[in-house]
Amino acid sequence: THEILDLSVKVLAGDAAVGLDDEADT
């Protein structure tokens, strides 16, 4: 649900991740 997803994404603290293709994921 939107509510669960909203909390889950906040856990990541906005840090970017680099994908397997060497590109910054979003």
mmCIF file of all heavy atoms, coordinates in Angstrom:
data_MODEL
# 
_entry.id   MODEL 
# 
loop_
_atom_site.group_PDB 
_atom_site.id 
_atom_site.type_symbol 
_atom_site.label_atom_id 
_atom_site.label_alt_id 
_atom_site.label_comp_id 
_atom_site.label_asym_id 
_atom_site.label_entity_id 
_atom_site.label_seq_id 
_atom_site.pdbx_PDB_ins_code 
_atom_site.Cartn_x 
_atom_site.Cartn_y 
_atom_site.Cartn_z 
_atom_site.occupancy 
_atom_site.B_iso_or_equiv 
_atom_site.pdbx_formal_charge 
_atom_site.auth_seq_id 
_atom_site.auth_comp_id 
_atom_site.auth_asym_id 
_atom_site.auth_atom_id 
_atom_site.pdbx_PDB_model_num 
ATOM 1   N N   . THR A 1 1  ? 0.833  -1.198 0.000   1.00 0.00 ? 1  THR A N   1 
ATOM 2   C CA  . THR A 1 1  ? 0.000  0.000  0.000   1.00 0.00 ? 1  THR A CA  1 
ATOM 3   C C   . THR A 1 1  ? 0.873  1.257  0.000   1.00 0.00 ? 1  THR A C   1 
ATOM 4   O O   . THR A 1 1  ? 2.052  1.226  0.370   1.00 0.00 ? 1  THR A O   1 
ATOM 5   C CB  . THR A 1 1  ? -0.913 0.049  1.234   1.00 0.00 ? 1  THR A CB  1 
ATOM 6   O OG1 . THR A 1 1  ? -0.108 0.179  2.415   1.00 0.00 ? 1  THR A OG1 1 
ATOM 7   C CG2 . THR A 1 1  ? -1.775 -1.193 1.337   1.00 0.00 ? 1  THR A CG2 1 
ATOM 8   N N   . HIS A 1 2  ? 0.252  2.355  -0.390  1.00 0.00 ? 2  HIS A N   1 
ATOM 9   C CA  . HIS A 1 2  ? 0.947  3.645  -0.419  1.00 0.00 ? 2  HIS A CA  1 
ATOM 10  C C   . HIS A 1 2  ? 1.526  3.978  0.953   1.00 0.00 ? 2  HIS A C   1 
ATOM 11  O O   . HIS A 1 2  ? 2.660  4.473  1.065   1.00 0.00 ? 2  HIS A O   1 
ATOM 12  C CB  . HIS A 1 2  ? -0.036 4.729  -0.860  1.00 0.00 ? 2  HIS A CB  1 
ATOM 13  C CG  . HIS A 1 2  ? 0.491  6.120  -0.716  1.00 0.00 ? 2  HIS A CG  1 
ATOM 14  N ND1 . HIS A 1 2  ? 1.290  6.724  -1.666  1.00 0.00 ? 2  HIS A ND1 1 
ATOM 15  C CD2 . HIS A 1 2  ? 0.351  7.036  0.285   1.00 0.00 ? 2  HIS A CD2 1 
ATOM 16  C CE1 . HIS A 1 2  ? 1.606  7.946  -1.261  1.00 0.00 ? 2  HIS A CE1 1 
ATOM 17  N NE2 . HIS A 1 2  ? 1.052  8.154  -0.085  1.00 0.00 ? 2  HIS A NE2 1 
ATOM 18  N N   . GLU A 1 3  ? 0.769  3.706  2.003   1.00 0.00 ? 3  GLU A N   1 
ATOM 19  C CA  . GLU A 1 3  ? 1.207  4.063  3.355   1.00 0.00 ? 3  GLU A CA  1 
ATOM 20  C C   . GLU A 1 3  ? 2.421  3.241  3.789   1.00 0.00 ? 3  GLU A C   1 
ATOM 21  O O   . GLU A 1 3  ? 3.372  3.774  4.382   1.00 0.00 ? 3  GLU A O   1 
ATOM 22  C CB  . GLU A 1 3  ? 0.047  3.863  4.339   1.00 0.00 ? 3  GLU A CB  1 
ATOM 23  C CG  . GLU A 1 3  ? -1.102 4.843  4.173   1.00 0.00 ? 3  GLU A CG  1 
ATOM 24  C CD  . GLU A 1 3  ? -1.987 4.532  2.966   1.00 0.00 ? 3  GLU A CD  1 
ATOM 25  O OE1 . GLU A 1 3  ? -1.857 3.426  2.382   1.00 0.00 ? 3  GLU A OE1 1 
ATOM 26  O OE2 . GLU A 1 3  ? -2.814 5.384  2.609   1.00 0.00 ? 3  GLU A OE2 1 
ATOM 27  N N   . ILE A 1 4  ? 2.410  1.944  3.501   1.00 0.00 ? 4  ILE A N   1 
ATOM 28  C CA  . ILE A 1 4  ? 3.547  1.092  3.849   1.00 0.00 ? 4  ILE A CA  1 
ATOM 29  C C   . ILE A 1 4  ? 4.761  1.464  3.007   1.00 0.00 ? 4  ILE A C   1 
ATOM 30  O O   . ILE A 1 4  ? 5.886  1.530  3.510   1.00 0.00 ? 4  ILE A O   1 
ATOM 31  C CB  . ILE A 1 4  ? 3.181  -0.391 3.658   1.00 0.00 ? 4  ILE A CB  1 
ATOM 32  C CG1 . ILE A 1 4  ? 2.100  -0.801 4.663   1.00 0.00 ? 4  ILE A CG1 1 
ATOM 33  C CG2 . ILE A 1 4  ? 4.405  -1.284 3.801   1.00 0.00 ? 4  ILE A CG2 1 
ATOM 34  C CD1 . ILE A 1 4  ? 1.538  -2.190 4.431   1.00 0.00 ? 4  ILE A CD1 1 
ATOM 35  N N   . LEU A 1 5  ? 4.525  1.738  1.736   1.00 0.00 ? 5  LEU A N   1 
ATOM 36  C CA  . LEU A 1 5  ? 5.631  2.097  0.848   1.00 0.00 ? 5  LEU A CA  1 
ATOM 37  C C   . LEU A 1 5  ? 6.271  3.410  1.282   1.00 0.00 ? 5  LEU A C   1 
ATOM 38  O O   . LEU A 1 5  ? 7.505  3.557  1.256   1.00 0.00 ? 5  LEU A O   1 
ATOM 39  C CB  . LEU A 1 5  ? 5.129  2.211  -0.588  1.00 0.00 ? 5  LEU A CB  1 
ATOM 40  C CG  . LEU A 1 5  ? 6.203  2.374  -1.665  1.00 0.00 ? 5  LEU A CG  1 
ATOM 41  C CD1 . LEU A 1 5  ? 7.100  1.150  -1.703  1.00 0.00 ? 5  LEU A CD1 1 
ATOM 42  C CD2 . LEU A 1 5  ? 5.569  2.601  -3.021  1.00 0.00 ? 5  LEU A CD2 1 
ATOM 43  N N   . ASP A 1 6  ? 5.463  4.357  1.713   1.00 0.00 ? 6  ASP A N   1 
ATOM 44  C CA  . ASP A 1 6  ? 5.978  5.658  2.144   1.00 0.00 ? 6  ASP A CA  1 
ATOM 45  C C   . ASP A 1 6  ? 6.940  5.488  3.321   1.00 0.00 ? 6  ASP A C   1 
ATOM 46  O O   . ASP A 1 6  ? 8.033  6.070  3.341   1.00 0.00 ? 6  ASP A O   1 
ATOM 47  C CB  . ASP A 1 6  ? 4.809  6.567  2.524   1.00 0.00 ? 6  ASP A CB  1 
ATOM 48  C CG  . ASP A 1 6  ? 5.271  7.959  2.916   1.00 0.00 ? 6  ASP A CG  1 
ATOM 49  O OD1 . ASP A 1 6  ? 5.952  8.612  2.099   1.00 0.00 ? 6  ASP A OD1 1 
ATOM 50  O OD2 . ASP A 1 6  ? 4.957  8.410  4.030   1.00 0.00 ? 6  ASP A OD2 1 
ATOM 51  N N   . LEU A 1 7  ? 6.553  4.687  4.308   1.00 0.00 ? 7  LEU A N   1 
ATOM 52  C CA  . LEU A 1 7  ? 7.434  4.431  5.450   1.00 0.00 ? 7  LEU A CA  1 
ATOM 53  C C   . LEU A 1 7  ? 8.688  3.696  5.017   1.00 0.00 ? 7  LEU A C   1 
ATOM 54  O O   . LEU A 1 7  ? 9.804  4.018  5.439   1.00 0.00 ? 7  LEU A O   1 
ATOM 55  C CB  . LEU A 1 7  ? 6.685  3.617  6.508   1.00 0.00 ? 7  LEU A CB  1 
ATOM 56  C CG  . LEU A 1 7  ? 7.530  3.117  7.689   1.00 0.00 ? 7  LEU A CG  1 
ATOM 57  C CD1 . LEU A 1 7  ? 8.082  4.283  8.493   1.00 0.00 ? 7  LEU A CD1 1 
ATOM 58  C CD2 . LEU A 1 7  ? 6.709  2.193  8.581   1.00 0.00 ? 7  LEU A CD2 1 
ATOM 59  N N   . SER A 1 8  ? 8.536  2.706  4.147   1.00 0.00 ? 8  SER A N   1 
ATOM 60  C CA  . SER A 1 8  ? 9.672  1.889  3.720   1.00 0.00 ? 8  SER A CA  1 
ATOM 61  C C   . SER A 1 8  ? 10.720 2.724  3.004   1.00 0.00 ? 8  SER A C   1 
ATOM 62  O O   . SER A 1 8  ? 11.922 2.565  3.232   1.00 0.00 ? 8  SER A O   1 
ATOM 63  C CB  . SER A 1 8  ? 9.188  0.759  2.808   1.00 0.00 ? 8  SER A CB  1 
ATOM 64  O OG  . SER A 1 8  ? 8.211  -0.033 3.449   1.00 0.00 ? 8  SER A OG  1 
ATOM 65  N N   . VAL A 1 9  ? 10.282 3.623  2.134   1.00 0.00 ? 9  VAL A N   1 
ATOM 66  C CA  . VAL A 1 9  ? 11.216 4.461  1.382   1.00 0.00 ? 9  VAL A CA  1 
ATOM 67  C C   . VAL A 1 9  ? 11.949 5.416  2.321   1.00 0.00 ? 9  VAL A C   1 
ATOM 68  O O   . VAL A 1 9  ? 13.141 5.695  2.141   1.00 0.00 ? 9  VAL A O   1 
ATOM 69  C CB  . VAL A 1 9  ? 10.474 5.230  0.273   1.00 0.00 ? 9  VAL A CB  1 
ATOM 70  C CG1 . VAL A 1 9  ? 11.372 6.284  -0.354  1.00 0.00 ? 9  VAL A CG1 1 
ATOM 71  C CG2 . VAL A 1 9  ? 9.988  4.255  -0.802  1.00 0.00 ? 9  VAL A CG2 1 
ATOM 72  N N   . LYS A 1 10 ? 11.278 5.895  3.364   1.00 0.00 ? 10 LYS A N   1 
ATOM 73  C CA  . LYS A 1 10 ? 11.931 6.794  4.325   1.00 0.00 ? 10 LYS A CA  1 
ATOM 74  C C   . LYS A 1 10 ? 13.091 6.101  5.038   1.00 0.00 ? 10 LYS A C   1 
ATOM 75  O O   . LYS A 1 10 ? 14.064 6.748  5.434   1.00 0.00 ? 10 LYS A O   1 
ATOM 76  C CB  . LYS A 1 10 ? 10.912 7.295  5.345   1.00 0.00 ? 10 LYS A CB  1 
ATOM 77  C CG  . LYS A 1 10 ? 9.941  8.334  4.801   1.00 0.00 ? 10 LYS A CG  1 
ATOM 78  C CD  . LYS A 1 10 ? 8.928  8.751  5.850   1.00 0.00 ? 10 LYS A CD  1 
ATOM 79  C CE  . LYS A 1 10 ? 7.956  9.787  5.289   1.00 0.00 ? 10 LYS A CE  1 
ATOM 80  N NZ  . LYS A 1 10 ? 6.885  10.129 6.263   1.00 0.00 ? 10 LYS A NZ  1 
ATOM 81  N N   . VAL A 1 11 ? 12.994 4.795  5.209   1.00 0.00 ? 11 VAL A N   1 
ATOM 82  C CA  . VAL A 1 11 ? 14.073 4.040  5.861   1.00 0.00 ? 11 VAL A CA  1 
ATOM 83  C C   . VAL A 1 11 ? 15.382 4.189  5.094   1.00 0.00 ? 11 VAL A C   1 
ATOM 84  O O   . VAL A 1 11 ? 16.464 4.201  5.679   1.00 0.00 ? 11 VAL A O   1 
ATOM 85  C CB  . VAL A 1 11 ? 13.664 2.551  5.970   1.00 0.00 ? 11 VAL A CB  1 
ATOM 86  C CG1 . VAL A 1 11 ? 14.864 1.671  6.263   1.00 0.00 ? 11 VAL A CG1 1 
ATOM 87  C CG2 . VAL A 1 11 ? 12.602 2.379  7.044   1.00 0.00 ? 11 VAL A CG2 1 
ATOM 88  N N   . LEU A 1 12 ? 15.297 4.320  3.763   1.00 0.00 ? 12 LEU A N   1 
ATOM 89  C CA  . LEU A 1 12 ? 16.502 4.424  2.944   1.00 0.00 ? 12 LEU A CA  1 
ATOM 90  C C   . LEU A 1 12 ? 17.213 5.761  3.109   1.00 0.00 ? 12 LEU A C   1 
ATOM 91  O O   . LEU A 1 12 ? 18.350 5.927  2.639   1.00 0.00 ? 12 LEU A O   1 
ATOM 92  C CB  . LEU A 1 12 ? 16.144 4.210  1.468   1.00 0.00 ? 12 LEU A CB  1 
ATOM 93  C CG  . LEU A 1 12 ? 15.603 2.817  1.128   1.00 0.00 ? 12 LEU A CG  1 
ATOM 94  C CD1 . LEU A 1 12 ? 15.109 2.779  -0.305  1.00 0.00 ? 12 LEU A CD1 1 
ATOM 95  C CD2 . LEU A 1 12 ? 16.673 1.755  1.351   1.00 0.00 ? 12 LEU A CD2 1 
ATOM 96  N N   . ALA A 1 13 ? 16.554 6.716  3.734   1.00 0.00 ? 13 ALA A N   1 
ATOM 97  C CA  . ALA A 1 13 ? 17.158 8.007  4.078   1.00 0.00 ? 13 ALA A CA  1 
ATOM 98  C C   . ALA A 1 13 ? 17.619 8.809  2.871   1.00 0.00 ? 13 ALA A C   1 
ATOM 99  O O   . ALA A 1 13 ? 18.483 9.674  2.980   1.00 0.00 ? 13 ALA A O   1 
ATOM 100 C CB  . ALA A 1 13 ? 18.332 7.806  5.047   1.00 0.00 ? 13 ALA A CB  1 
ATOM 101 N N   . GLY A 1 14 ? 17.054 8.524  1.708   1.00 0.00 ? 14 GLY A N   1 
ATOM 102 C CA  . GLY A 1 14 ? 17.367 9.326  0.530   1.00 0.00 ? 14 GLY A CA  1 
ATOM 103 C C   . GLY A 1 14 ? 18.700 9.047  -0.109  1.00 0.00 ? 14 GLY A C   1 
ATOM 104 O O   . GLY A 1 14 ? 19.085 9.716  -1.071  1.00 0.00 ? 14 GLY A O   1 
ATOM 105 N N   . ASP A 1 15 ? 19.440 8.054  0.395   1.00 0.00 ? 15 ASP A N   1 
ATOM 106 C CA  . ASP A 1 15 ? 20.753 7.747  -0.183  1.00 0.00 ? 15 ASP A CA  1 
ATOM 107 C C   . ASP A 1 15 ? 20.583 7.126  -1.572  1.00 0.00 ? 15 ASP A C   1 
ATOM 108 O O   . ASP A 1 15 ? 19.758 6.236  -1.769  1.00 0.00 ? 15 ASP A O   1 
ATOM 109 C CB  . ASP A 1 15 ? 21.525 6.773  0.710   1.00 0.00 ? 15 ASP A CB  1 
ATOM 110 C CG  . ASP A 1 15 ? 22.061 7.451  1.964   1.00 0.00 ? 15 ASP A CG  1 
ATOM 111 O OD1 . ASP A 1 15 ? 21.844 8.670  2.096   1.00 0.00 ? 15 ASP A OD1 1 
ATOM 112 O OD2 . ASP A 1 15 ? 22.678 6.765  2.791   1.00 0.00 ? 15 ASP A OD2 1 
ATOM 113 N N   . ALA A 1 16 ? 21.369 7.589  -2.526  1.00 0.00 ? 16 ALA A N   1 
ATOM 114 C CA  . ALA A 1 16 ? 21.311 7.053  -3.889  1.00 0.00 ? 16 ALA A CA  1 
ATOM 115 C C   . ALA A 1 16 ? 22.037 5.718  -3.945  1.00 0.00 ? 16 ALA A C   1 
ATOM 116 O O   . ALA A 1 16 ? 22.907 5.425  -3.134  1.00 0.00 ? 16 ALA A O   1 
ATOM 117 C CB  . ALA A 1 16 ? 21.917 8.039  -4.871  1.00 0.00 ? 16 ALA A CB  1 
ATOM 118 N N   . ALA A 1 17 ? 21.670 4.906  -4.914  1.00 0.00 ? 17 ALA A N   1 
ATOM 119 C CA  . ALA A 1 17 ? 22.318 3.605  -5.115  1.00 0.00 ? 17 ALA A CA  1 
ATOM 120 C C   . ALA A 1 17 ? 22.814 3.525  -6.547  1.00 0.00 ? 17 ALA A C   1 
ATOM 121 O O   . ALA A 1 17 ? 22.194 4.067  -7.457  1.00 0.00 ? 17 ALA A O   1 
ATOM 122 C CB  . ALA A 1 17 ? 21.344 2.470  -4.825  1.00 0.00 ? 17 ALA A CB  1 
ATOM 123 N N   . VAL A 1 18 ? 23.946 2.849  -6.726  1.00 0.00 ? 18 VAL A N   1 
ATOM 124 C CA  . VAL A 1 18 ? 24.501 2.663  -8.066  1.00 0.00 ? 18 VAL A CA  1 
ATOM 125 C C   . VAL A 1 18 ? 24.081 1.293  -8.574  1.00 0.00 ? 18 VAL A C   1 
ATOM 126 O O   . VAL A 1 18 ? 24.239 0.286  -7.888  1.00 0.00 ? 18 VAL A O   1 
ATOM 127 C CB  . VAL A 1 18 ? 26.037 2.776  -8.059  1.00 0.00 ? 18 VAL A CB  1 
ATOM 128 C CG1 . VAL A 1 18 ? 26.594 2.498  -9.452  1.00 0.00 ? 18 VAL A CG1 1 
ATOM 129 C CG2 . VAL A 1 18 ? 26.451 4.155  -7.579  1.00 0.00 ? 18 VAL A CG2 1 
ATOM 130 N N   . GLY A 1 19 ? 23.530 1.259  -9.782  1.00 0.00 ? 19 GLY A N   1 
ATOM 131 C CA  . GLY A 1 19 ? 23.033 0.017  -10.347 1.00 0.00 ? 19 GLY A CA  1 
ATOM 132 C C   . GLY A 1 19 ? 24.122 -0.821 -10.984 1.00 0.00 ? 19 GLY A C   1 
ATOM 133 O O   . GLY A 1 19 ? 25.289 -0.415 -11.062 1.00 0.00 ? 19 GLY A O   1 
ATOM 134 N N   . LEU A 1 20 ? 23.738 -1.987 -11.470 1.00 0.00 ? 20 LEU A N   1 
ATOM 135 C CA  . LEU A 1 20 ? 24.698 -2.896 -12.102 1.00 0.00 ? 20 LEU A CA  1 
ATOM 136 C C   . LEU A 1 20 ? 25.222 -2.358 -13.425 1.00 0.00 ? 20 LEU A C   1 
ATOM 137 O O   . LEU A 1 20 ? 26.227 -2.846 -13.947 1.00 0.00 ? 20 LEU A O   1 
ATOM 138 C CB  . LEU A 1 20 ? 24.049 -4.260 -12.335 1.00 0.00 ? 20 LEU A CB  1 
ATOM 139 C CG  . LEU A 1 20 ? 23.532 -4.998 -11.089 1.00 0.00 ? 20 LEU A CG  1 
ATOM 140 C CD1 . LEU A 1 20 ? 22.949 -6.344 -11.488 1.00 0.00 ? 20 LEU A CD1 1 
ATOM 141 C CD2 . LEU A 1 20 ? 24.631 -5.183 -10.073 1.00 0.00 ? 20 LEU A CD2 1 
ATOM 142 N N   . ASP A 1 21 ? 24.512 -1.355 -13.978 1.00 0.00 ? 21 ASP A N   1 
ATOM 143 C CA  . ASP A 1 21 ? 24.963 -0.752 -15.234 1.00 0.00 ? 21 ASP A CA  1 
ATOM 144 C C   . ASP A 1 21 ? 25.836 0.467  -14.998 1.00 0.00 ? 21 ASP A C   1 
ATOM 145 O O   . ASP A 1 21 ? 26.092 1.247  -15.912 1.00 0.00 ? 21 ASP A O   1 
ATOM 146 C CB  . ASP A 1 21 ? 23.754 -0.367 -16.097 1.00 0.00 ? 21 ASP A CB  1 
ATOM 147 C CG  . ASP A 1 21 ? 22.809 0.587  -15.368 1.00 0.00 ? 21 ASP A CG  1 
ATOM 148 O OD1 . ASP A 1 21 ? 23.037 0.874  -14.161 1.00 0.00 ? 21 ASP A OD1 1 
ATOM 149 O OD2 . ASP A 1 21 ? 21.826 1.030  -15.984 1.00 0.00 ? 21 ASP A OD2 1 
ATOM 150 N N   . ASP A 1 22 ? 26.303 0.644  -13.743 1.00 0.00 ? 22 ASP A N   1 
ATOM 151 C CA  . ASP A 1 22 ? 27.178 1.753  -13.333 1.00 0.00 ? 22 ASP A CA  1 
ATOM 152 C C   . ASP A 1 22 ? 26.455 3.099  -13.316 1.00 0.00 ? 22 ASP A C   1 
ATOM 153 O O   . ASP A 1 22 ? 27.093 4.139  -13.128 1.00 0.00 ? 22 ASP A O   1 
ATOM 154 C CB  . ASP A 1 22 ? 28.426 1.864  -14.231 1.00 0.00 ? 22 ASP A CB  1 
ATOM 155 C CG  . ASP A 1 22 ? 29.312 0.643  -14.130 1.00 0.00 ? 22 ASP A CG  1 
ATOM 156 O OD1 . ASP A 1 22 ? 29.396 0.068  -13.026 1.00 0.00 ? 22 ASP A OD1 1 
ATOM 157 O OD2 . ASP A 1 22 ? 29.903 0.249  -15.150 1.00 0.00 ? 22 ASP A OD2 1 
ATOM 158 N N   . GLU A 1 23 ? 25.145 3.093  -13.522 1.00 0.00 ? 23 GLU A N   1 
ATOM 159 C CA  . GLU A 1 23 ? 24.366 4.327  -13.488 1.00 0.00 ? 23 GLU A CA  1 
ATOM 160 C C   . GLU A 1 23 ? 23.728 4.487  -12.114 1.00 0.00 ? 23 GLU A C   1 
ATOM 161 O O   . GLU A 1 23 ? 23.349 3.505  -11.471 1.00 0.00 ? 23 GLU A O   1 
ATOM 162 C CB  . GLU A 1 23 ? 23.266 4.297  -14.559 1.00 0.00 ? 23 GLU A CB  1 
ATOM 163 C CG  . GLU A 1 23 ? 23.785 4.229  -15.987 1.00 0.00 ? 23 GLU A CG  1 
ATOM 164 C CD  . GLU A 1 23 ? 24.401 5.544  -16.436 1.00 0.00 ? 23 GLU A CD  1 
ATOM 165 O OE1 . GLU A 1 23 ? 24.086 6.581  -15.824 1.00 0.00 ? 23 GLU A OE1 1 
ATOM 166 O OE2 . GLU A 1 23 ? 25.193 5.529  -17.389 1.00 0.00 ? 23 GLU A OE2 1 
ATOM 167 N N   . ALA A 1 24 ? 23.598 5.745  -11.668 1.00 0.00 ? 24 ALA A N   1 
ATOM 168 C CA  . ALA A 1 24 ? 22.912 6.007  -10.407 1.00 0.00 ? 24 ALA A CA  1 
ATOM 169 C C   . ALA A 1 24 ? 21.442 5.641  -10.548 1.00 0.00 ? 24 ALA A C   1 
ATOM 170 O O   . ALA A 1 24 ? 20.769 6.085  -11.473 1.00 0.00 ? 24 ALA A O   1 
ATOM 171 C CB  . ALA A 1 24 ? 23.058 7.482  -10.020 1.00 0.00 ? 24 ALA A CB  1 
ATOM 172 N N   . ASP A 1 25 ? 20.957 4.784  -9.656  1.00 0.00 ? 25 ASP A N   1 
ATOM 173 C CA  . ASP A 1 25 ? 19.554 4.402  -9.693  1.00 0.00 ? 25 ASP A CA  1 
ATOM 174 C C   . ASP A 1 25 ? 18.732 5.478  -8.982  1.00 0.00 ? 25 ASP A C   1 
ATOM 175 O O   . ASP A 1 25 ? 19.266 6.316  -8.265  1.00 0.00 ? 25 ASP A O   1 
ATOM 176 C CB  . ASP A 1 25 ? 19.352 3.056  -9.010  1.00 0.00 ? 25 ASP A CB  1 
ATOM 177 C CG  . ASP A 1 25 ? 18.110 2.337  -9.508  1.00 0.00 ? 25 ASP A CG  1 
ATOM 178 O OD1 . ASP A 1 25 ? 17.023 2.604  -8.971  1.00 0.00 ? 25 ASP A OD1 1 
ATOM 179 O OD2 . ASP A 1 25 ? 18.244 1.535  -10.434 1.00 0.00 ? 25 ASP A OD2 1 
ATOM 180 N N   . THR A 1 26 ? 17.433 5.436  -9.191  1.00 0.00 ? 26 THR A N   1 
ATOM 181 C CA  . THR A 1 26 ? 16.569 6.452  -8.597  1.00 0.00 ? 26 THR A CA  1 
ATOM 182 C C   . THR A 1 26 ? 15.233 5.834  -8.240  1.00 0.00 ? 26 THR A C   1 
ATOM 183 O O   . THR A 1 26 ? 14.804 4.848  -8.852  1.00 0.00 ? 26 THR A O   1 
ATOM 184 C CB  . THR A 1 26 ? 16.345 7.625  -9.571  1.00 0.00 ? 26 THR A CB  1 
ATOM 185 O OG1 . THR A 1 26 ? 15.421 8.551  -8.982  1.00 0.00 ? 26 THR A OG1 1 
ATOM 186 C CG2 . THR A 1 26 ? 15.755 7.135  -10.893 1.00 0.00 ? 26 THR A CG2 1 
# 
